[in-house]
Amino acid sequence: MSLTLMTILFMAITTWLTRITGYLLLRDRVLSPRLSAVMEIAPGCVLITVIAPHFVTAELADIMALLISLLAAIRFSLFPVVIISVVTTAILRYLF
């Protein structure tokens, strides 16, 4: 199994485990409005940490993909933004 495939697999497992753990820990609790807002915003914060390094790149394709991702984030929820970001980055890197 390639290192890239193993990395993706471990990232997927880790993501799944954090979601399940959060659900199990918080399922019987009533969250305050403030904590609920924090929990809703957390996935966006994680996404930003993934794409933020592209702010310092000199690659035109990455900068354009970042701008498209930011525009998509204004309009759509997290899952469509991730799909748009990945597809846009792949297409732009192929073209440039």
PDB file of N, CA and C in Angstrom:
ATOM      1  N   MET A   1       0.854  -1.172   0.000  1.00  0.00           N
ATOM      2  CA  MET A   1       0.000   0.000   0.000  1.00  0.00           C
ATOM      3  C   MET A   1       0.901   1.237   0.000  1.00  0.00           C
ATOM      4  N   SER A   2       0.561   2.200  -0.828  1.00  0.00           N
ATOM      5  CA  SER A   2       1.414   3.378  -0.952  1.00  0.00           C
ATOM      6  C   SER A   2       1.290   4.269   0.277  1.00  0.00           C
ATOM      7  N   LEU A   3       2.303   5.084   0.498  1.00  0.00           N
ATOM      8  CA  LEU A   3       2.329   5.998   1.628  1.00  0.00           C
ATOM      9  C   LEU A   3       1.183   7.016   1.536  1.00  0.00           C
ATOM     10  N   THR A   4       0.900   7.477   0.331  1.00  0.00           N
ATOM     11  CA  THR A   4      -0.188   8.442   0.149  1.00  0.00           C
ATOM     12  C   THR A   4      -1.528   7.833   0.523  1.00  0.00           C
ATOM     13  N   LEU A   5      -1.775   6.622   0.061  1.00  0.00           N
ATOM     14  CA  LEU A   5      -3.028   5.945   0.380  1.00  0.00           C
ATOM     15  C   LEU A   5      -3.148   5.679   1.875  1.00  0.00           C
ATOM     16  N   MET A   6      -2.059   5.275   2.507  1.00  0.00           N
ATOM     17  CA  MET A   6      -2.071   5.045   3.954  1.00  0.00           C
ATOM     18  C   MET A   6      -2.344   6.352   4.703  1.00  0.00           C
ATOM     19  N   THR A   7      -1.762   7.442   4.249  1.00  0.00           N
ATOM     20  CA  THR A   7      -1.984   8.742   4.883  1.00  0.00           C
ATOM     21  C   THR A   7      -3.450   9.133   4.797  1.00  0.00           C
ATOM     22  N   ILE A   8      -4.033   8.982   3.621  1.00  0.00           N
ATOM     23  CA  ILE A   8      -5.445   9.313   3.435  1.00  0.00           C
ATOM     24  C   ILE A   8      -6.315   8.429   4.319  1.00  0.00           C
ATOM     25  N   LEU A   9      -6.002   7.158   4.382  1.00  0.00           N
ATOM     26  CA  LEU A   9      -6.767   6.228   5.205  1.00  0.00           C
ATOM     27  C   LEU A   9      -6.695   6.609   6.680  1.00  0.00           C
ATOM     28  N   PHE A  10      -5.496   6.906   7.178  1.00  0.00           N
ATOM     29  CA  PHE A  10      -5.355   7.291   8.585  1.00  0.00           C
ATOM     30  C   PHE A  10      -6.030   8.626   8.880  1.00  0.00           C
ATOM     31  N   MET A  11      -5.994   9.538   7.928  1.00  0.00           N
ATOM     32  CA  MET A  11      -6.695  10.816   8.116  1.00  0.00           C
ATOM     33  C   MET A  11      -8.199  10.593   8.195  1.00  0.00           C
ATOM     34  N   ALA A  12      -8.713   9.723   7.357  1.00  0.00           N
ATOM     35  CA  ALA A  12     -10.149   9.421   7.369  1.00  0.00           C
ATOM     36  C   ALA A  12     -10.549   8.753   8.685  1.00  0.00           C
ATOM     37  N   ILE A  13      -9.760   7.820   9.139  1.00  0.00           N
ATOM     38  CA  ILE A  13     -10.056   7.135  10.405  1.00  0.00           C
ATOM     39  C   ILE A  13     -10.007   8.125  11.565  1.00  0.00           C
ATOM     40  N   THR A  14      -9.009   8.979  11.580  1.00  0.00           N
ATOM     41  CA  THR A  14      -8.885   9.978  12.643  1.00  0.00           C
ATOM     42  C   THR A  14     -10.072  10.929  12.639  1.00  0.00           C
ATOM     43  N   THR A  15     -10.475  11.378  11.471  1.00  0.00           N
ATOM     44  CA  THR A  15     -11.636  12.259  11.369  1.00  0.00           C
ATOM     45  C   THR A  15     -12.884  11.563  11.894  1.00  0.00           C
ATOM     46  N   TRP A  16     -13.081  10.327  11.489  1.00  0.00           N
ATOM     47  CA  TRP A  16     -14.244   9.573  11.931  1.00  0.00           C
ATOM     48  C   TRP A  16     -14.228   9.389  13.450  1.00  0.00           C
ATOM     49  N   LEU A  17     -13.057   9.058  13.996  1.00  0.00           N
ATOM     50  CA  LEU A  17     -12.963   8.852  15.444  1.00  0.00           C
ATOM     51  C   LEU A  17     -13.248  10.128  16.223  1.00  0.00           C
ATOM     52  N   THR A  18     -12.777  11.266  15.740  1.00  0.00           N
ATOM     53  CA  THR A  18     -13.049  12.510  16.449  1.00  0.00           C
ATOM     54  C   THR A  18     -14.531  12.851  16.392  1.00  0.00           C
ATOM     55  N   ARG A  19     -15.173  12.563  15.288  1.00  0.00           N
ATOM     56  CA  ARG A  19     -16.617  12.830  15.189  1.00  0.00           C
ATOM     57  C   ARG A  19     -17.405  11.906  16.128  1.00  0.00           C
ATOM     58  N   ILE A  20     -17.078  10.645  16.123  1.00  0.00           N
ATOM     59  CA  ILE A  20     -17.782   9.689  16.976  1.00  0.00           C
ATOM     60  C   ILE A  20     -17.535  10.003  18.449  1.00  0.00           C
ATOM     61  N   THR A  21     -16.305  10.321  18.806  1.00  0.00           N
ATOM     62  CA  THR A  21     -15.979  10.652  20.189  1.00  0.00           C
ATOM     63  C   THR A  21     -16.748  11.890  20.639  1.00  0.00           C
ATOM     64  N   GLY A  22     -16.780  12.912  19.791  1.00  0.00           N
ATOM     65  CA  GLY A  22     -17.531  14.115  20.134  1.00  0.00           C
ATOM     66  C   GLY A  22     -19.000  13.814  20.331  1.00  0.00           C
ATOM     67  N   TYR A  23     -19.550  13.000  19.464  1.00  0.00           N
ATOM     68  CA  TYR A  23     -20.967  12.619  19.599  1.00  0.00           C
ATOM     69  C   TYR A  23     -21.203  11.872  20.910  1.00  0.00           C
ATOM     70  N   LEU A  24     -20.351  10.898  21.209  1.00  0.00           N
ATOM     71  CA  LEU A  24     -20.542  10.099  22.422  1.00  0.00           C
ATOM     72  C   LEU A  24     -20.393  10.940  23.685  1.00  0.00           C
ATOM     73  N   LEU A  25     -19.483  11.893  23.678  1.00  0.00           N
ATOM     74  CA  LEU A  25     -19.273  12.727  24.854  1.00  0.00           C
ATOM     75  C   LEU A  25     -20.375  13.766  25.047  1.00  0.00           C
ATOM     76  N   LEU A  26     -20.971  14.232  23.966  1.00  0.00           N
ATOM     77  CA  LEU A  26     -21.924  15.342  24.060  1.00  0.00           C
ATOM     78  C   LEU A  26     -23.378  14.945  23.810  1.00  0.00           C
ATOM     79  N   ARG A  27     -23.660  13.694  23.556  1.00  0.00           N
ATOM     80  CA  ARG A  27     -25.012  13.307  23.139  1.00  0.00           C
ATOM     81  C   ARG A  27     -26.083  13.551  24.193  1.00  0.00           C
ATOM     82  N   ASP A  28     -25.764  13.439  25.469  1.00  0.00           N
ATOM     83  CA  ASP A  28     -26.776  13.604  26.517  1.00  0.00           C
ATOM     84  C   ASP A  28     -26.718  14.971  27.186  1.00  0.00           C
ATOM     85  N   ARG A  29     -25.967  15.877  26.635  1.00  0.00           N
ATOM     86  CA  ARG A  29     -25.814  17.197  27.240  1.00  0.00           C
ATOM     87  C   ARG A  29     -26.548  18.253  26.434  1.00  0.00           C
ATOM     88  N   VAL A  30     -27.040  19.236  27.141  1.00  0.00           N
ATOM     89  CA  VAL A  30     -27.652  20.385  26.494  1.00  0.00           C
ATOM     90  C   VAL A  30     -26.578  21.468  26.426  1.00  0.00           C
ATOM     91  N   LEU A  31     -26.241  21.870  25.222  1.00  0.00           N
ATOM     92  CA  LEU A  31     -25.178  22.852  25.043  1.00  0.00           C
ATOM     93  C   LEU A  31     -25.741  24.265  25.096  1.00  0.00           C
ATOM     94  N   SER A  32     -24.956  25.155  25.639  1.00  0.00           N
ATOM     95  CA  SER A  32     -25.358  26.555  25.660  1.00  0.00           C
ATOM     96  C   SER A  32     -25.316  27.090  24.232  1.00  0.00           C
ATOM     97  N   PRO A  33     -26.021  28.166  23.967  1.00  0.00           N
ATOM     98  CA  PRO A  33     -25.980  28.740  22.610  1.00  0.00           C
ATOM     99  C   PRO A  33     -24.564  29.106  22.168  1.00  0.00           C
ATOM    100  N   ARG A  34     -23.780  29.587  23.104  1.00  0.00           N
ATOM    101  CA  ARG A  34     -22.399  29.967  22.771  1.00  0.00           C
ATOM    102  C   ARG A  34     -21.568  28.740  22.377  1.00  0.00           C
ATOM    103  N   LEU A  35     -21.666  27.672  23.148  1.00  0.00           N
ATOM    104  CA  LEU A  35     -20.925  26.453  22.836  1.00  0.00           C
ATOM    105  C   LEU A  35     -21.435  25.817  21.547  1.00  0.00           C
ATOM    106  N   SER A  36     -22.732  25.887  21.317  1.00  0.00           N
ATOM    107  CA  SER A  36     -23.287  25.376  20.060  1.00  0.00           C
ATOM    108  C   SER A  36     -22.700  26.126  18.865  1.00  0.00           C
ATOM    109  N   ALA A  37     -22.570  27.437  18.998  1.00  0.00           N
ATOM    110  CA  ALA A  37     -21.982  28.243  17.920  1.00  0.00           C
ATOM    111  C   ALA A  37     -20.538  27.846  17.670  1.00  0.00           C
ATOM    112  N   VAL A  38     -19.796  27.606  18.751  1.00  0.00           N
ATOM    113  CA  VAL A  38     -18.397  27.180  18.610  1.00  0.00           C
ATOM    114  C   VAL A  38     -18.314  25.824  17.908  1.00  0.00           C
ATOM    115  N   MET A  39     -19.188  24.904  18.291  1.00  0.00           N
ATOM    116  CA  MET A  39     -19.170  23.576  17.683  1.00  0.00           C
ATOM    117  C   MET A  39     -19.530  23.634  16.199  1.00  0.00           C
ATOM    118  N   GLU A  40     -20.402  24.551  15.826  1.00  0.00           N
ATOM    119  CA  GLU A  40     -20.780  24.683  14.419  1.00  0.00           C
ATOM    120  C   GLU A  40     -19.672  25.310  13.591  1.00  0.00           C
ATOM    121  N   ILE A  41     -18.881  26.151  14.190  1.00  0.00           N
ATOM    122  CA  ILE A  41     -17.854  26.873  13.465  1.00  0.00           C
ATOM    123  C   ILE A  41     -16.530  26.097  13.374  1.00  0.00           C
ATOM    124  N   ALA A  42     -16.344  25.101  14.222  1.00  0.00           N
ATOM    125  CA  ALA A  42     -15.085  24.357  14.287  1.00  0.00           C
ATOM    126  C   ALA A  42     -14.664  23.734  12.954  1.00  0.00           C
ATOM    127  N   PRO A  43     -15.559  23.085  12.191  1.00  0.00           N
ATOM    128  CA  PRO A  43     -15.109  22.508  10.918  1.00  0.00           C
ATOM    129  C   PRO A  43     -14.554  23.561   9.949  1.00  0.00           C
ATOM    130  N   GLY A  44     -15.142  24.732   9.949  1.00  0.00           N
ATOM    131  CA  GLY A  44     -14.620  25.806   9.095  1.00  0.00           C
ATOM    132  C   GLY A  44     -13.229  26.232   9.512  1.00  0.00           C
ATOM    133  N   CYS A  45     -12.991  26.250  10.811  1.00  0.00           N
ATOM    134  CA  CYS A  45     -11.656  26.604  11.311  1.00  0.00           C
ATOM    135  C   CYS A  45     -10.612  25.574  10.876  1.00  0.00           C
ATOM    136  N   VAL A  46     -11.000  24.321  10.911  1.00  0.00           N
ATOM    137  CA  VAL A  46     -10.089  23.265  10.464  1.00  0.00           C
ATOM    138  C   VAL A  46      -9.797  23.424   8.974  1.00  0.00           C
ATOM    139  N   LEU A  47     -10.818  23.714   8.188  1.00  0.00           N
ATOM    140  CA  LEU A  47     -10.625  23.913   6.757  1.00  0.00           C
ATOM    141  C   LEU A  47      -9.667  25.066   6.488  1.00  0.00           C
ATOM    142  N   ILE A  48      -9.802  26.140   7.231  1.00  0.00           N
ATOM    143  CA  ILE A  48      -8.920  27.289   7.062  1.00  0.00           C
ATOM    144  C   ILE A  48      -7.474  26.906   7.351  1.00  0.00           C
ATOM    145  N   THR A  49      -7.242  26.078   8.373  1.00  0.00           N
ATOM    146  CA  THR A  49      -5.868  25.685   8.673  1.00  0.00           C
ATOM    147  C   THR A  49      -5.263  24.845   7.556  1.00  0.00           C
ATOM    148  N   VAL A  50      -6.118  24.166   6.814  1.00  0.00           N
ATOM    149  CA  VAL A  50      -5.624  23.358   5.692  1.00  0.00           C
ATOM    150  C   VAL A  50      -5.280  24.243   4.490  1.00  0.00           C
ATOM    151  N   ILE A  51      -6.115  25.247   4.213  1.00  0.00           N
ATOM    152  CA  ILE A  51      -5.886  26.056   3.017  1.00  0.00           C
ATOM    153  C   ILE A  51      -5.051  27.301   3.271  1.00  0.00           C
ATOM    154  N   ALA A  52      -4.862  27.700   4.517  1.00  0.00           N
ATOM    155  CA  ALA A  52      -4.120  28.928   4.828  1.00  0.00           C
ATOM    156  C   ALA A  52      -2.690  28.942   4.273  1.00  0.00           C
ATOM    157  N   PRO A  53      -1.971  27.836   4.268  1.00  0.00           N
ATOM    158  CA  PRO A  53      -0.608  27.889   3.711  1.00  0.00           C
ATOM    159  C   PRO A  53      -0.560  28.345   2.256  1.00  0.00           C
ATOM    160  N   HIS A  54      -1.652  28.223   1.533  1.00  0.00           N
ATOM    161  CA  HIS A  54      -1.673  28.653   0.140  1.00  0.00           C
ATOM    162  C   HIS A  54      -1.644  30.171  -0.003  1.00  0.00           C
ATOM    163  N   PHE A  55      -1.843  30.883   1.101  1.00  0.00           N
ATOM    164  CA  PHE A  55      -1.729  32.339   1.049  1.00  0.00           C
ATOM    165  C   PHE A  55      -0.298  32.770   0.754  1.00  0.00           C
ATOM    166  N   VAL A  56       0.669  31.941   1.111  1.00  0.00           N
ATOM    167  CA  VAL A  56       2.071  32.307   0.931  1.00  0.00           C
ATOM    168  C   VAL A  56       2.700  31.654  -0.299  1.00  0.00           C
ATOM    169  N   THR A  57       1.918  31.076  -1.131  1.00  0.00           N
ATOM    170  CA  THR A  57       2.436  30.426  -2.332  1.00  0.00           C
ATOM    171  C   THR A  57       2.587  31.428  -3.466  1.00  0.00           C
ATOM    172  N   ALA A  58       3.440  31.097  -4.379  1.00  0.00           N
ATOM    173  CA  ALA A  58       3.618  31.933  -5.563  1.00  0.00           C
ATOM    174  C   ALA A  58       2.959  31.286  -6.781  1.00  0.00           C
ATOM    175  N   GLU A  59       2.345  30.135  -6.585  1.00  0.00           N
ATOM    176  CA  GLU A  59       1.704  29.414  -7.677  1.00  0.00           C
ATOM    177  C   GLU A  59       0.356  30.042  -8.016  1.00  0.00           C
ATOM    178  N   LEU A  60       0.194  30.454  -9.257  1.00  0.00           N
ATOM    179  CA  LEU A  60      -1.034  31.104  -9.691  1.00  0.00           C
ATOM    180  C   LEU A  60      -2.252  30.195  -9.520  1.00  0.00           C
ATOM    181  N   ALA A  61      -2.107  28.927  -9.838  1.00  0.00           N
ATOM    182  CA  ALA A  61      -3.229  27.981  -9.731  1.00  0.00           C
ATOM    183  C   ALA A  61      -3.719  27.877  -8.290  1.00  0.00           C
ATOM    184  N   ASP A  62      -2.786  27.825  -7.334  1.00  0.00           N
ATOM    185  CA  ASP A  62      -3.170  27.702  -5.927  1.00  0.00           C
ATOM    186  C   ASP A  62      -3.842  28.976  -5.418  1.00  0.00           C
ATOM    187  N   ILE A  63      -3.356  30.109  -5.829  1.00  0.00           N
ATOM    188  CA  ILE A  63      -3.962  31.379  -5.413  1.00  0.00           C
ATOM    189  C   ILE A  63      -5.371  31.505  -5.987  1.00  0.00           C
ATOM    190  N   MET A  64      -5.535  31.145  -7.253  1.00  0.00           N
ATOM    191  CA  MET A  64      -6.865  31.205  -7.863  1.00  0.00           C
ATOM    192  C   MET A  64      -7.826  30.220  -7.187  1.00  0.00           C
ATOM    193  N   ALA A  65      -7.340  29.013  -6.899  1.00  0.00           N
ATOM    194  CA  ALA A  65      -8.176  28.011  -6.221  1.00  0.00           C
ATOM    195  C   ALA A  65      -8.560  28.495  -4.826  1.00  0.00           C
ATOM    196  N   LEU A  66      -7.656  29.151  -4.138  1.00  0.00           N
ATOM    197  CA  LEU A  66      -7.948  29.690  -2.822  1.00  0.00           C
ATOM    198  C   LEU A  66      -9.045  30.743  -2.894  1.00  0.00           C
ATOM    199  N   LEU A  67      -8.952  31.624  -3.856  1.00  0.00           N
ATOM    200  CA  LEU A  67      -9.978  32.659  -4.000  1.00  0.00           C
ATOM    201  C   LEU A  67     -11.351  32.051  -4.319  1.00  0.00           C
ATOM    202  N   ILE A  68     -11.366  31.065  -5.195  1.00  0.00           N
ATOM    203  CA  ILE A  68     -12.629  30.389  -5.520  1.00  0.00           C
ATOM    204  C   ILE A  68     -13.177  29.673  -4.290  1.00  0.00           C
ATOM    205  N   SER A  69     -12.300  29.065  -3.508  1.00  0.00           N
ATOM    206  CA  SER A  69     -12.726  28.378  -2.281  1.00  0.00           C
ATOM    207  C   SER A  69     -13.326  29.361  -1.281  1.00  0.00           C
ATOM    208  N   LEU A  70     -12.706  30.512  -1.140  1.00  0.00           N
ATOM    209  CA  LEU A  70     -13.226  31.519  -0.219  1.00  0.00           C
ATOM    210  C   LEU A  70     -14.595  32.024  -0.673  1.00  0.00           C
ATOM    211  N   LEU A  71     -14.749  32.239  -1.966  1.00  0.00           N
ATOM    212  CA  LEU A  71     -16.050  32.665  -2.482  1.00  0.00           C
ATOM    213  C   LEU A  71     -17.109  31.584  -2.268  1.00  0.00           C
ATOM    214  N   ALA A  72     -16.729  30.338  -2.470  1.00  0.00           N
ATOM    215  CA  ALA A  72     -17.666  29.231  -2.258  1.00  0.00           C
ATOM    216  C   ALA A  72     -18.052  29.129  -0.782  1.00  0.00           C
ATOM    217  N   ALA A  73     -17.096  29.401   0.110  1.00  0.00           N
ATOM    218  CA  ALA A  73     -17.370  29.319   1.545  1.00  0.00           C
ATOM    219  C   ALA A  73     -18.385  30.357   1.995  1.00  0.00           C
ATOM    220  N   ILE A  74     -18.458  31.460   1.287  1.00  0.00           N
ATOM    221  CA  ILE A  74     -19.449  32.491   1.619  1.00  0.00           C
ATOM    222  C   ILE A  74     -20.852  31.999   1.303  1.00  0.00           C
ATOM    223  N   ARG A  75     -20.976  31.190   0.287  1.00  0.00           N
ATOM    224  CA  ARG A  75     -22.302  30.801  -0.219  1.00  0.00           C
ATOM    225  C   ARG A  75     -22.777  29.421   0.239  1.00  0.00           C
ATOM    226  N   PHE A  76     -21.858  28.463   0.380  1.00  0.00           N
ATOM    227  CA  PHE A  76     -22.252  27.077   0.611  1.00  0.00           C
ATOM    228  C   PHE A  76     -21.811  26.575   1.984  1.00  0.00           C
ATOM    229  N   SER A  77     -22.339  25.412   2.379  1.00  0.00           N
ATOM    230  CA  SER A  77     -21.917  24.771   3.624  1.00  0.00           C
ATOM    231  C   SER A  77     -20.575  24.066   3.400  1.00  0.00           C
ATOM    232  N   LEU A  78     -20.059  23.464   4.459  1.00  0.00           N
ATOM    233  CA  LEU A  78     -18.699  22.927   4.439  1.00  0.00           C
ATOM    234  C   LEU A  78     -18.470  21.855   3.369  1.00  0.00           C
ATOM    235  N   PHE A  79     -19.341  20.866   3.277  1.00  0.00           N
ATOM    236  CA  PHE A  79     -19.097  19.759   2.349  1.00  0.00           C
ATOM    237  C   PHE A  79     -19.010  20.207   0.889  1.00  0.00           C
ATOM    238  N   PRO A  80     -19.959  21.013   0.391  1.00  0.00           N
ATOM    239  CA  PRO A  80     -19.809  21.487  -0.993  1.00  0.00           C
ATOM    240  C   PRO A  80     -18.554  22.334  -1.193  1.00  0.00           C
ATOM    241  N   VAL A  81     -18.174  23.097  -0.184  1.00  0.00           N
ATOM    242  CA  VAL A  81     -16.966  23.923  -0.299  1.00  0.00           C
ATOM    243  C   VAL A  81     -15.733  23.044  -0.435  1.00  0.00           C
ATOM    244  N   VAL A  82     -15.667  21.970   0.316  1.00  0.00           N
ATOM    245  CA  VAL A  82     -14.526  21.052   0.212  1.00  0.00           C
ATOM    246  C   VAL A  82     -14.473  20.437  -1.186  1.00  0.00           C
ATOM    247  N   ILE A  83     -15.602  19.993  -1.693  1.00  0.00           N
ATOM    248  CA  ILE A  83     -15.654  19.401  -3.032  1.00  0.00           C
ATOM    249  C   ILE A  83     -15.240  20.432  -4.081  1.00  0.00           C
ATOM    250  N   ILE A  84     -15.801  21.628  -3.996  1.00  0.00           N
ATOM    251  CA  ILE A  84     -15.460  22.699  -4.945  1.00  0.00           C
ATOM    252  C   ILE A  84     -13.973  23.016  -4.865  1.00  0.00           C
ATOM    253  N   SER A  85     -13.437  23.085  -3.671  1.00  0.00           N
ATOM    254  CA  SER A  85     -12.027  23.420  -3.486  1.00  0.00           C
ATOM    255  C   SER A  85     -11.096  22.369  -4.085  1.00  0.00           C
ATOM    256  N   VAL A  86     -11.394  21.122  -3.824  1.00  0.00           N
ATOM    257  CA  VAL A  86     -10.542  20.038  -4.336  1.00  0.00           C
ATOM    258  C   VAL A  86     -10.590  19.986  -5.859  1.00  0.00           C
ATOM    259  N   VAL A  87     -11.792  20.037  -6.404  1.00  0.00           N
ATOM    260  CA  VAL A  87     -11.946  19.958  -7.859  1.00  0.00           C
ATOM    261  C   VAL A  87     -11.310  21.175  -8.537  1.00  0.00           C
ATOM    262  N   THR A  88     -11.555  22.356  -7.996  1.00  0.00           N
ATOM    263  CA  THR A  88     -10.987  23.574  -8.570  1.00  0.00           C
ATOM    264  C   THR A  88      -9.469  23.533  -8.537  1.00  0.00           C
ATOM    265  N   THR A  89      -8.907  23.135  -7.420  1.00  0.00           N
ATOM    266  CA  THR A  89      -7.449  23.057  -7.299  1.00  0.00           C
ATOM    267  C   THR A  89      -6.874  22.070  -8.317  1.00  0.00           C
ATOM    268  N   ALA A  90      -7.507  20.920  -8.441  1.00  0.00           N
ATOM    269  CA  ALA A  90      -7.013  19.915  -9.389  1.00  0.00           C
ATOM    270  C   ALA A  90      -7.063  20.428 -10.814  1.00  0.00           C
ATOM    271  N   ILE A  91      -8.169  21.051 -11.192  1.00  0.00           N
ATOM    272  CA  ILE A  91      -8.315  21.559 -12.564  1.00  0.00           C
ATOM    273  C   ILE A  91      -7.310  22.676 -12.837  1.00  0.00           C
ATOM    274  N   LEU A  92      -7.200  23.609 -11.896  1.00  0.00           N
ATOM    275  CA  LEU A  92      -6.287  24.738 -12.112  1.00  0.00           C
ATOM    276  C   LEU A  92      -4.824  24.295 -12.135  1.00  0.00           C
ATOM    277  N   ARG A  93      -4.470  23.350 -11.293  1.00  0.00           N
ATOM    278  CA  ARG A  93      -3.083  22.847 -11.316  1.00  0.00           C
ATOM    279  C   ARG A  93      -2.807  22.117 -12.637  1.00  0.00           C
ATOM    280  N   TYR A  94      -3.808  21.431 -13.162  1.00  0.00           N
ATOM    281  CA  TYR A  94      -3.630  20.749 -14.449  1.00  0.00           C
ATOM    282  C   TYR A  94      -3.456  21.778 -15.576  1.00  0.00           C
ATOM    283  N   LEU A  95      -4.264  22.846 -15.539  1.00  0.00           N
ATOM    284  CA  LEU A  95      -4.222  23.847 -16.599  1.00  0.00           C
ATOM    285  C   LEU A  95      -2.966  24.740 -16.536  1.00  0.00           C
ATOM    286  N   PHE A  96      -2.519  25.011 -15.324  1.00  0.00           N
ATOM    287  CA  PHE A  96      -1.346  25.886 -15.195  1.00  0.00           C
ATOM    288  C   PHE A  96      -0.129  25.062 -14.884  1.00  0.00           C
TER     289      PHE A  96
END
